[in-house]
Every structure is written in C-alpha cells, then in structure tokens.
Amino acid sequence: MGLAALNRLGYNAYNVPFSQLIGKDGNFNPDAQLLYQDNWKKLLFRPALRRKQP
C-alpha cells in the first residue's frame, strides 16, 4: 500500500501525518501510535450496567 492509497483513506488513525507514517526504507515509523484503543476483546467484554425499561 503506497502513500497515495493511505491519503485516499481520508482518516489517519495515527499521531503522525501520512507522509511520516512509512519511511523511505518501507518500515513503519516507530514513533507512530494509534489514536484509539485497539483491544476489541476488552471493549466487547467489559462490564456494563443494565437497566430495565419500564
């Protein structure tokens, strides 16, 4: 996936611009971090308060 394809996505999920996300050597920038929590199992199975609807 090239830089042009990333720009077409329209949403950058990382804390660095698309132009700095992938280096010239093809590796991801080690300073790039996701801006959202990516542990879906934890989100799906977290305890929640249930209320009865009248």
Protein backbone atom coordinates (compact mmCIF):
# COMPACT_ATOMS: atom_id res chain seq x y z
CA MET A 1 0.00 0.00 0.00
CA GLY A 2 1.56 3.26 -1.07
CA LEU A 3 1.32 6.72 0.39
CA ALA A 4 -1.26 7.72 -2.23
CA ALA A 5 -3.54 4.89 -1.09
CA LEU A 6 -3.21 5.99 2.53
CA ASN A 7 -4.09 9.56 1.60
CA ARG A 8 -7.26 8.37 -0.16
CA LEU A 9 -8.49 6.74 3.05
CA GLY A 10 -9.30 10.19 4.43
CA TYR A 11 -8.83 9.19 8.06
CA ASN A 12 -5.48 8.97 9.77
CA ALA A 13 -5.64 6.74 12.82
CA TYR A 14 -2.06 7.59 13.88
CA ASN A 15 -0.49 10.52 15.69
CA VAL A 16 1.85 11.33 12.79
CA PRO A 17 0.94 12.59 9.28
CA PHE A 18 0.64 10.04 6.48
CA SER A 19 3.82 11.43 4.92
CA GLN A 20 5.76 10.39 8.06
CA LEU A 21 3.96 7.09 8.73
CA ILE A 22 6.13 4.97 6.42
CA GLY A 23 9.83 5.70 5.98
CA LYS A 24 11.80 5.57 2.73
CA ASP A 25 13.02 2.11 3.77
CA GLY A 26 9.40 0.83 3.81
CA ASN A 27 9.17 0.40 7.59
CA PHE A 28 6.56 1.99 9.81
CA ASN A 29 7.63 4.97 11.86
CA PRO A 30 8.40 3.63 15.38
CA ASP A 31 7.03 6.88 16.86
CA ALA A 32 3.59 6.35 15.26
CA GLN A 33 0.92 5.37 17.77
CA LEU A 34 -2.74 4.58 17.23
CA LEU A 35 -5.11 7.31 18.41
CA TYR A 36 -7.77 4.84 19.57
CA GLN A 37 -7.87 1.71 21.68
CA ASP A 38 -7.40 -1.37 19.51
CA ASN A 39 -8.20 -4.07 22.09
CA TRP A 40 -11.63 -5.09 20.76
CA LYS A 41 -11.95 -8.09 23.07
CA LYS A 42 -11.58 -5.83 26.09
CA LEU A 43 -14.19 -3.42 24.74
CA LEU A 44 -16.68 -6.18 23.93
CA PHE A 45 -16.48 -7.95 27.25
CA ARG A 46 -16.24 -5.05 29.68
CA PRO A 47 -18.84 -4.99 32.48
CA ALA A 48 -21.83 -2.78 31.79
CA LEU A 49 -24.78 -1.59 33.85
CA ARG A 50 -28.11 -2.93 32.62
CA ARG A 51 -31.36 -1.16 33.36
CA LYS A 52 -34.87 -2.44 32.90
CA GLN A 53 -37.05 -0.41 30.61
CA PRO A 54 -40.47 0.36 32.15
